Amino acid sequence: MKILVCVSQVPDTTTKITFTPDNKSLNTAGVQFIINPYDELGITKALELNEQTGGGTVTVITVGGADTEPNIRKALAMGADDAVRIDAEPTDAFFVAQQIANYASSQNFDIIFTGRESIDYNGGQVGGMVAELLNIPHVNVITAITVNGNTGTVERDIDGGREVVEVTTPFLVSAQKDLCEPRIPNMRGIMTARTKPLQVIAANGADKRTEVAQFQAPAPKAGVKFIDPTNMDELVSLLHNEAKVL
């Protein structure tokens, strides 16, 4: 089985986010970057599937500059066989999707994994776009997957229950929590990752279709007022006159 996992680099979840003076981009000074957590689930599940089905290859791909390579090597240390870095700034979801689709179109992957979304922009667009550009089925936010031959059985949560979908390869799925526990690289994996292939290719054939006009930080938290639980009149008055929600 031949699997491609799409990986993005995001600020660490503990990062205090600030923006450049023009408010058009993230201020990266002092920011620690990590593999998007949902993408780590995709890597892990891809490795598990190949182990369960008796072998295959797992390739990771990212769109980004040379600064992403430490995290690409982490993906290789987790167990991926090789990696591809498309040398371009990932400033637009369609541009990223087009670059991934351009590469994948000639590689005959059986399954493509993405994360449900990146935890920085929370767009959740790239997976669906890649599937559409490749004209393959797409199942979003999956919580379980098994593969038998060229048929995948996929589960995902829906309002009021769980949906089970059967899909034929090639197909794309996006990972979310509960799919698996992310694999932690061991020392052997870290050592072998240094020698695994990492191919760098130029971007090809797509222009970004959106651009950031401005980022704006949320307003500072306001003070909290405590109301005696027996004083309902005061509570109603504050909700009506100050909060304007009644």
Protein backbone atom coordinates (compact mmCIF):
# COMPACT_ATOMS: atom_id res chain seq x y z
CA MET A 1 0.00 0.00 0.00
CA LYS A 2 1.31 3.42 -0.97
CA ILE A 3 0.25 6.25 1.34
CA LEU A 4 0.87 10.00 1.24
CA VAL A 5 0.51 12.09 4.40
CA CYS A 6 0.19 15.88 4.08
CA VAL A 7 1.98 17.69 6.89
CA SER A 8 1.92 21.34 7.91
CA GLN A 9 4.07 23.23 10.38
CA VAL A 10 2.27 25.26 13.06
CA PRO A 11 3.20 27.25 16.16
CA ASP A 12 3.43 25.24 19.36
CA THR A 13 0.14 25.22 21.23
CA THR A 14 1.68 27.19 24.11
CA THR A 15 2.87 30.02 21.85
CA LYS A 16 1.77 33.55 22.64
CA ILE A 17 0.68 34.85 19.24
CA THR A 18 1.61 38.34 18.08
CA PHE A 19 1.60 39.93 14.64
CA THR A 20 3.95 42.07 12.58
CA PRO A 21 3.52 45.87 12.77
CA ASP A 22 1.33 45.89 9.64
CA ASN A 23 -0.87 43.13 11.13
CA LYS A 24 -0.59 41.06 7.95
CA SER A 25 1.48 38.12 9.17
CA LEU A 26 2.51 36.18 12.25
CA ASN A 27 5.49 37.49 14.17
CA THR A 28 7.71 34.40 14.15
CA ALA A 29 10.38 35.77 16.47
CA GLY A 30 10.88 33.29 19.30
CA VAL A 31 8.11 30.97 18.07
CA GLN A 32 8.62 27.20 18.42
CA PHE A 33 7.09 25.31 15.48
CA ILE A 34 5.74 21.76 15.59
CA ILE A 35 4.01 19.28 13.29
CA ASN A 36 0.30 20.03 13.19
CA PRO A 37 -1.16 17.61 15.79
CA TYR A 38 -3.90 16.33 13.46
CA ASP A 39 -1.23 15.57 10.85
CA GLU A 40 0.69 13.54 13.43
CA LEU A 41 -2.42 11.37 13.75
CA GLY A 42 -2.41 10.91 9.98
CA ILE A 43 1.23 9.82 10.01
CA THR A 44 0.63 7.36 12.83
CA LYS A 45 -2.45 5.80 11.27
CA ALA A 46 -0.72 5.50 7.89
CA LEU A 47 2.13 3.61 9.55
CA GLU A 48 -0.30 1.37 11.42
CA LEU A 49 -2.22 0.53 8.24
CA ASN A 50 0.93 -0.50 6.42
CA GLU A 51 2.02 -2.61 9.38
CA GLN A 52 -1.38 -4.32 9.49
CA THR A 53 -1.53 -5.00 5.74
CA GLY A 54 1.97 -6.37 5.45
CA GLY A 55 4.03 -3.47 4.24
CA GLY A 56 4.09 -0.57 1.85
CA THR A 57 5.43 2.96 1.88
CA VAL A 58 4.51 6.13 3.72
CA THR A 59 5.59 9.43 2.19
CA VAL A 60 5.15 12.75 3.95
CA ILE A 61 4.76 15.98 2.00
CA THR A 62 4.78 19.60 3.06
CA VAL A 63 4.70 22.98 1.36
CA GLY A 64 7.19 25.29 3.04
CA GLY A 65 10.69 26.64 3.33
CA ALA A 66 13.87 25.05 4.64
CA ASP A 67 12.82 25.93 8.20
CA THR A 68 10.25 23.09 8.03
CA GLU A 69 12.90 20.40 7.59
CA PRO A 70 13.45 19.67 11.31
CA ASN A 71 9.77 18.77 11.61
CA ILE A 72 9.91 16.78 8.37
CA ARG A 73 12.76 14.80 9.92
CA LYS A 74 10.57 14.22 12.97
CA ALA A 75 7.93 12.70 10.69
CA LEU A 76 10.63 10.46 9.21
CA ALA A 77 11.74 9.54 12.74
CA MET A 78 8.16 8.47 13.51
CA GLY A 79 8.56 5.88 10.74
CA ALA A 80 7.74 7.48 7.38
CA ASP A 81 9.89 6.13 4.54
CA ASP A 82 10.61 9.34 2.65
CA ALA A 83 9.57 12.96 2.40
CA VAL A 84 8.91 15.68 -0.14
CA ARG A 85 9.19 19.41 0.52
CA ILE A 86 7.69 21.74 -2.04
CA ASP A 87 9.81 24.85 -1.75
CA ALA A 88 7.22 27.61 -1.40
CA GLU A 89 5.57 29.72 1.27
CA PRO A 90 2.18 28.15 2.20
CA THR A 91 0.22 31.39 2.22
CA ASP A 92 -3.02 30.18 0.61
CA ALA A 93 -5.03 26.96 0.95
CA PHE A 94 -5.67 26.54 -2.78
CA PHE A 95 -2.01 27.10 -3.62
CA VAL A 96 -0.98 24.45 -1.08
CA ALA A 97 -3.61 22.00 -2.34
CA GLN A 98 -2.57 22.50 -5.94
CA GLN A 99 1.09 21.83 -5.15
CA ILE A 100 0.22 18.61 -3.30
CA ALA A 101 -2.13 17.50 -6.09
CA ASN A 102 0.51 18.23 -8.74
CA TYR A 103 2.92 15.89 -6.99
CA ALA A 104 0.39 13.20 -6.09
CA SER A 105 -1.16 13.02 -9.56
CA SER A 106 1.74 11.04 -11.00
CA GLN A 107 2.58 8.89 -7.96
CA ASN A 108 -0.41 6.50 -7.77
CA PHE A 109 -0.99 6.73 -4.03
CA ASP A 110 -3.66 4.43 -2.62
CA ILE A 111 -4.55 6.66 0.33
CA ILE A 112 -3.84 10.31 1.12
CA PHE A 113 -4.09 11.54 4.72
CA THR A 114 -4.49 15.11 5.86
CA GLY A 115 -5.34 16.53 9.28
CA ARG A 116 -8.88 17.78 9.77
CA GLU A 117 -7.42 21.30 9.96
CA SER A 118 -4.27 23.13 10.97
CA ILE A 119 -4.40 24.50 14.48
CA ASP A 120 -3.14 27.94 13.41
CA TYR A 121 -5.65 28.99 10.73
CA ASN A 122 -8.28 26.27 11.40
CA GLY A 123 -9.36 26.43 7.76
CA GLY A 124 -9.90 22.72 7.06
CA GLN A 125 -9.82 23.41 3.31
CA VAL A 126 -6.74 21.69 1.90
CA GLY A 127 -7.94 18.08 2.13
CA GLY A 128 -11.16 18.67 0.22
CA MET A 129 -9.36 20.73 -2.40
CA VAL A 130 -6.69 18.07 -2.97
CA ALA A 131 -9.37 15.38 -3.39
CA GLU A 132 -11.30 17.54 -5.84
CA LEU A 133 -8.20 18.37 -7.88
CA LEU A 134 -7.32 14.66 -8.07
CA ASN A 135 -10.97 13.65 -8.65
CA ILE A 136 -10.90 11.06 -5.86
CA PRO A 137 -13.32 10.36 -2.96
CA HIS A 138 -12.86 12.34 0.26
CA VAL A 139 -14.07 11.36 3.74
CA ASN A 140 -13.65 14.10 6.32
CA VAL A 141 -12.82 13.98 10.07
CA ILE A 142 -12.49 10.21 10.45
CA THR A 143 -12.16 8.43 13.78
CA ALA A 144 -11.42 4.90 12.50
CA ILE A 145 -10.25 3.21 9.31
CA THR A 146 -9.57 -0.36 8.17
CA VAL A 147 -8.46 -1.50 4.73
CA ASN A 148 -9.21 -4.79 3.01
CA GLY A 149 -7.69 -5.02 -0.46
CA ASN A 150 -8.72 -1.87 -2.29
CA THR A 151 -11.68 -1.13 0.00
CA GLY A 152 -11.48 1.15 3.01
CA THR A 153 -14.07 1.12 5.78
CA VAL A 154 -14.12 4.48 7.49
CA GLU A 155 -15.97 5.76 10.55
CA ARG A 156 -16.68 9.33 11.55
CA ASP A 157 -18.80 11.06 14.15
CA ILE A 158 -21.96 12.85 13.03
CA ASP A 159 -24.71 14.65 14.93
CA GLY A 160 -26.43 12.04 17.07
CA GLY A 161 -24.33 9.06 16.09
CA ARG A 162 -21.55 7.56 14.01
CA GLU A 163 -21.41 7.09 10.25
CA VAL A 164 -19.67 4.14 8.55
CA VAL A 165 -18.54 4.67 4.95
CA GLU A 166 -16.99 2.26 2.46
CA VAL A 167 -14.67 3.79 -0.13
CA THR A 168 -12.47 2.37 -2.88
CA THR A 169 -8.85 3.35 -3.40
CA PRO A 170 -7.54 5.82 -4.26
CA PHE A 171 -9.16 8.09 -1.69
CA LEU A 172 -8.37 10.89 0.75
CA VAL A 173 -9.27 11.04 4.44
CA SER A 174 -8.70 13.68 7.10
CA ALA A 175 -7.70 12.67 10.61
CA GLN A 176 -9.08 13.95 13.87
CA LYS A 177 -8.72 13.01 17.53
CA ASP A 178 -9.75 9.48 18.56
CA LEU A 179 -8.29 8.07 15.33
CA CYS A 180 -5.16 6.90 17.19
CA GLU A 181 -2.50 7.96 19.66
CA PRO A 182 0.36 9.84 17.96
CA ARG A 183 3.54 7.80 17.69
CA ILE A 184 6.58 9.09 19.58
CA PRO A 185 9.90 8.69 17.73
CA ASN A 186 12.37 6.35 19.41
CA MET A 187 16.15 6.71 19.33
CA ARG A 188 16.54 4.30 16.42
CA GLY A 189 13.95 6.24 14.44
CA ILE A 190 15.69 9.53 15.16
CA MET A 191 19.03 8.15 13.98
CA THR A 192 17.68 6.56 10.79
CA ALA A 193 15.67 9.70 9.92
CA ARG A 194 18.93 11.49 9.15
CA THR A 195 19.58 9.30 6.14
CA LYS A 196 16.05 8.90 4.76
CA PRO A 197 15.32 10.63 1.42
CA LEU A 198 13.99 14.19 1.56
CA GLN A 199 13.26 15.48 -1.92
CA VAL A 200 12.94 19.25 -2.47
CA ILE A 201 10.99 20.33 -5.53
CA ALA A 202 9.96 23.71 -6.89
CA ALA A 203 6.39 24.96 -6.77
CA ASN A 204 4.51 24.52 -10.00
CA GLY A 205 1.52 26.08 -11.60
CA ALA A 206 -0.82 27.73 -9.12
CA ASP A 207 -1.39 31.24 -7.88
CA LYS A 208 -2.85 32.00 -4.50
CA ARG A 209 -6.49 33.00 -4.61
CA THR A 210 -6.78 34.76 -1.26
CA GLU A 211 -4.61 37.07 0.77
CA VAL A 212 -4.69 38.35 4.32
CA ALA A 213 -6.03 41.88 4.68
CA GLN A 214 -5.39 42.06 8.42
CA PHE A 215 -5.04 39.99 11.55
CA GLN A 216 -6.61 41.25 14.76
CA ALA A 217 -6.00 39.93 18.25
CA PRO A 218 -9.09 39.30 20.38
CA ALA A 219 -10.06 42.01 22.83
CA PRO A 220 -8.57 41.66 26.31
CA LYS A 221 -10.76 39.82 28.76
CA ALA A 222 -13.01 42.13 30.71
CA GLY A 223 -13.42 42.06 34.45
CA VAL A 224 -15.75 39.52 36.01
CA LYS A 225 -18.69 40.48 38.18
CA PHE A 226 -19.84 38.06 40.86
CA ILE A 227 -23.54 38.05 41.71
CA ASP A 228 -25.04 36.52 44.80
CA PRO A 229 -26.98 33.45 43.59
CA THR A 230 -30.04 34.60 45.52
CA ASN A 231 -30.08 38.03 43.85
CA MET A 232 -31.81 37.23 40.56
CA ASP A 233 -33.05 40.81 40.11
CA GLU A 234 -29.49 42.13 39.92
CA LEU A 235 -28.47 39.38 37.52
CA VAL A 236 -31.37 40.11 35.18
CA SER A 237 -30.68 43.84 35.36
CA LEU A 238 -27.00 43.40 34.43
CA LEU A 239 -27.81 41.03 31.57
CA HIS A 240 -30.36 43.47 30.25
CA ASN A 241 -28.67 46.82 30.79
CA GLU A 242 -24.96 46.03 30.53
CA ALA A 243 -24.49 42.80 28.60
CA LYS A 244 -27.47 43.62 26.33
CA VAL A 245 -28.31 39.94 25.92
CA LEU A 246 -31.88 40.16 27.18
